[in-house]
């Protein structure tokens, strides 16, 4: 029971980290696009 609970917490942590990484990558991509548009104008 305790092992299963630890596994679920670990799984949630991995999913949380993945979401953060995807968010940061998306934000960086968006920022580059915005900077590119600013430089073109």
PDB file of N, CA and C in Angstrom:
ATOM      1  N   UNK A   1       0.836  -1.202   0.000  1.00  0.00           N
ATOM      2  CA  UNK A   1       0.000   0.000   0.000  1.00  0.00           C
ATOM      3  C   UNK A   1       0.876   1.259   0.000  1.00  0.00           C
ATOM      4  N   UNK A   2       1.851   1.293   0.886  1.00  0.00           N
ATOM      5  CA  UNK A   2       2.752   2.454   0.959  1.00  0.00           C
ATOM      6  C   UNK A   2       3.550   2.575  -0.344  1.00  0.00           C
ATOM      7  N   UNK A   3       3.982   1.437  -0.885  1.00  0.00           N
ATOM      8  CA  UNK A   3       4.761   1.428  -2.123  1.00  0.00           C
ATOM      9  C   UNK A   3       3.929   1.994  -3.275  1.00  0.00           C
ATOM     10  N   UNK A   4       2.666   1.598  -3.342  1.00  0.00           N
ATOM     11  CA  UNK A   4       1.768   2.081  -4.397  1.00  0.00           C
ATOM     12  C   UNK A   4       1.575   3.590  -4.278  1.00  0.00           C
ATOM     13  N   UNK A   5       1.410   4.074  -3.048  1.00  0.00           N
ATOM     14  CA  UNK A   5       1.220   5.502  -2.806  1.00  0.00           C
ATOM     15  C   UNK A   5       2.459   6.281  -3.264  1.00  0.00           C
ATOM     16  N   UNK A   6       3.640   5.773  -2.932  1.00  0.00           N
ATOM     17  CA  UNK A   6       4.894   6.418  -3.343  1.00  0.00           C
ATOM     18  C   UNK A   6       4.999   6.452  -4.861  1.00  0.00           C
ATOM     19  N   UNK A   7       4.587   5.353  -5.503  1.00  0.00           N
ATOM     20  CA  UNK A   7       4.632   5.267  -6.965  1.00  0.00           C
ATOM     21  C   UNK A   7       3.731   6.333  -7.592  1.00  0.00           C
ATOM     22  N   UNK A   8       2.529   6.503  -7.030  1.00  0.00           N
ATOM     23  CA  UNK A   8       1.587   7.505  -7.545  1.00  0.00           C
ATOM     24  C   UNK A   8       2.151   8.915  -7.379  1.00  0.00           C
ATOM     25  N   UNK A   9       2.758   9.189  -6.237  1.00  0.00           N
ATOM     26  CA  UNK A   9       3.362  10.506  -5.987  1.00  0.00           C
ATOM     27  C   UNK A   9       4.488  10.754  -6.988  1.00  0.00           C
ATOM     28  N   UNK A  10       5.317   9.720  -7.224  1.00  0.00           N
ATOM     29  CA  UNK A  10       6.432   9.819  -8.168  1.00  0.00           C
ATOM     30  C   UNK A  10       5.915  10.091  -9.577  1.00  0.00           C
ATOM     31  N   UNK A  11       4.840   9.377  -9.957  1.00  0.00           N
ATOM     32  CA  UNK A  11       4.238   9.537 -11.282  1.00  0.00           C
ATOM     33  C   UNK A  11       3.707  10.960 -11.453  1.00  0.00           C
ATOM     34  N   UNK A  12       3.014  11.462 -10.434  1.00  0.00           N
ATOM     35  CA  UNK A  12       2.474  12.828 -10.471  1.00  0.00           C
ATOM     36  C   UNK A  12       3.606  13.849 -10.603  1.00  0.00           C
ATOM     37  N   UNK A  13       4.699  13.610  -9.903  1.00  0.00           N
ATOM     38  CA  UNK A  13       5.844  14.512  -9.944  1.00  0.00           C
ATOM     39  C   UNK A  13       6.435  14.560 -11.353  1.00  0.00           C
ATOM     40  N   UNK A  14       6.580  13.392 -11.985  1.00  0.00           N
ATOM     41  CA  UNK A  14       7.130  13.316 -13.344  1.00  0.00           C
ATOM     42  C   UNK A  14       6.223  14.064 -14.321  1.00  0.00           C
ATOM     43  N   UNK A  15       4.897  13.849 -14.195  1.00  0.00           N
ATOM     44  CA  UNK A  15       3.938  14.525 -15.081  1.00  0.00           C
ATOM     45  C   UNK A  15       4.014  16.040 -14.873  1.00  0.00           C
ATOM     46  N   UNK A  16       4.123  16.460 -13.613  1.00  0.00           N
ATOM     47  CA  UNK A  16       4.213  17.882 -13.273  1.00  0.00           C
ATOM     48  C   UNK A  16       5.459  18.510 -13.903  1.00  0.00           C
ATOM     49  N   UNK A  17       6.608  17.822 -13.786  1.00  0.00           N
ATOM     50  CA  UNK A  17       7.867  18.312 -14.357  1.00  0.00           C
ATOM     51  C   UNK A  17       7.755  18.395 -15.876  1.00  0.00           C
ATOM     52  N   UNK A  18       7.126  17.375 -16.498  1.00  0.00           N
ATOM     53  CA  UNK A  18       6.957  17.375 -17.954  1.00  0.00           C
ATOM     54  C   UNK A  18       6.125  18.577 -18.394  1.00  0.00           C
ATOM     55  N   UNK A  19       5.041  18.847 -17.660  1.00  0.00           N
ATOM     56  CA  UNK A  19       4.189  19.990 -17.995  1.00  0.00           C
ATOM     57  C   UNK A  19       4.969  21.301 -17.887  1.00  0.00           C
ATOM     58  N   UNK A  20       5.810  21.420 -16.858  1.00  0.00           N
ATOM     59  CA  UNK A  20       6.618  22.633 -16.672  1.00  0.00           C
ATOM     60  C   UNK A  20       7.590  22.800 -17.844  1.00  0.00           C
ATOM     61  N   UNK A  21       8.249  21.698 -18.238  1.00  0.00           N
ATOM     62  CA  UNK A  21       9.209  21.753 -19.345  1.00  0.00           C
ATOM     63  C   UNK A  21       8.517  22.161 -20.641  1.00  0.00           C
ATOM     64  N   UNK A  22       7.345  21.577 -20.910  1.00  0.00           N
ATOM     65  CA  UNK A  22       6.590  21.916 -22.124  1.00  0.00           C
ATOM     66  C   UNK A  22       6.178  23.389 -22.088  1.00  0.00           C
ATOM     67  N   UNK A  23       5.743  23.851 -20.920  1.00  0.00           N
ATOM     68  CA  UNK A  23       5.339  25.242 -20.770  1.00  0.00           C
ATOM     69  C   UNK A  23       6.496  26.199 -21.020  1.00  0.00           C
ATOM     70  N   UNK A  24       7.646  25.882 -20.451  1.00  0.00           N
ATOM     71  CA  UNK A  24       8.838  26.727 -20.629  1.00  0.00           C
ATOM     72  C   UNK A  24       9.258  26.743 -22.098  1.00  0.00           C
ATOM     73  N   UNK A  25       9.238  25.568 -22.746  1.00  0.00           N
ATOM     74  CA  UNK A  25       9.625  25.476 -24.157  1.00  0.00           C
ATOM     75  C   UNK A  25       8.674  26.307 -25.017  1.00  0.00           C
ATOM     76  N   UNK A  26       7.359  26.197 -24.741  1.00  0.00           N
ATOM     77  CA  UNK A  26       6.352  26.940 -25.493  1.00  0.00           C
ATOM     78  C   UNK A  26       6.539  28.442 -25.293  1.00  0.00           C
ATOM     79  N   UNK A  27       6.800  28.851 -24.044  1.00  0.00           N
ATOM     80  CA  UNK A  27       6.993  30.264 -23.724  1.00  0.00           C
ATOM     81  C   UNK A  27       8.224  30.816 -24.450  1.00  0.00           C
ATOM     82  N   UNK A  28       9.311  30.030 -24.468  1.00  0.00           N
ATOM     83  CA  UNK A  28      10.544  30.444 -25.147  1.00  0.00           C
ATOM     84  C   UNK A  28      10.292  30.618 -26.642  1.00  0.00           C
ATOM     85  N   UNK A  29       9.542  29.664 -27.229  1.00  0.00           N
ATOM     86  CA  UNK A  29       9.224  29.714 -28.657  1.00  0.00           C
ATOM     87  C   UNK A  29       8.403  30.966 -28.963  1.00  0.00           C
ATOM     88  N   UNK A  30       7.405  31.233 -28.111  1.00  0.00           N
ATOM     89  CA  UNK A  30       6.528  32.391 -28.282  1.00  0.00           C
ATOM     90  C   UNK A  30       7.347  33.682 -28.180  1.00  0.00           C
ATOM     91  N   UNK A  31       8.261  33.726 -27.197  1.00  0.00           N
ATOM     92  CA  UNK A  31       9.095  34.901 -26.977  1.00  0.00           C
ATOM     93  C   UNK A  31       9.965  35.177 -28.202  1.00  0.00           C
ATOM     94  N   UNK A  32      10.542  34.106 -28.778  1.00  0.00           N
ATOM     95  CA  UNK A  32      11.383  34.272 -29.968  1.00  0.00           C
ATOM     96  C   UNK A  32      10.575  34.805 -31.136  1.00  0.00           C
ATOM     97  N   UNK A  33       9.339  34.300 -31.277  1.00  0.00           N
ATOM     98  CA  UNK A  33       8.465  34.771 -32.356  1.00  0.00           C
ATOM     99  C   UNK A  33       8.183  36.252 -32.189  1.00  0.00           C
ATOM    100  N   UNK A  34       7.845  36.658 -30.959  1.00  0.00           N
ATOM    101  CA  UNK A  34       7.536  38.066 -30.677  1.00  0.00           C
ATOM    102  C   UNK A  34       8.759  38.935 -30.950  1.00  0.00           C
ATOM    103  N   UNK A  35       9.933  38.490 -30.493  1.00  0.00           N
ATOM    104  CA  UNK A  35      11.161  39.257 -30.719  1.00  0.00           C
ATOM    105  C   UNK A  35      11.453  39.360 -32.210  1.00  0.00           C
ATOM    106  N   UNK A  36      11.192  38.272 -32.953  1.00  0.00           N
ATOM    107  CA  UNK A  36      11.397  38.270 -34.403  1.00  0.00           C
ATOM    108  C   UNK A  36      10.498  39.292 -35.074  1.00  0.00           C
ATOM    109  N   UNK A  37       9.230  39.332 -34.661  1.00  0.00           N
ATOM    110  CA  UNK A  37       8.290  40.299 -35.232  1.00  0.00           C
ATOM    111  C   UNK A  37       8.736  41.726 -34.934  1.00  0.00           C
ATOM    112  N   UNK A  38       9.229  41.953 -33.713  1.00  0.00           N
ATOM    113  CA  UNK A  38       9.675  43.293 -33.321  1.00  0.00           C
ATOM    114  C   UNK A  38      10.881  43.713 -34.170  1.00  0.00           C
ATOM    115  N   UNK A  39      11.806  42.771 -34.409  1.00  0.00           N
ATOM    116  CA  UNK A  39      13.007  43.095 -35.188  1.00  0.00           C
ATOM    117  C   UNK A  39      12.666  43.379 -36.648  1.00  0.00           C
ATOM    118  N   UNK A  40      11.668  42.654 -37.197  1.00  0.00           N
ATOM    119  CA  UNK A  40      11.290  42.847 -38.600  1.00  0.00           C
ATOM    120  C   UNK A  40      10.702  44.238 -38.806  1.00  0.00           C
ATOM    121  N   UNK A  41       9.894  44.707 -37.849  1.00  0.00           N
ATOM    122  CA  UNK A  41       9.232  46.005 -38.003  1.00  0.00           C
ATOM    123  C   UNK A  41      10.173  47.177 -37.783  1.00  0.00           C
TER     124      UNK A  41
END
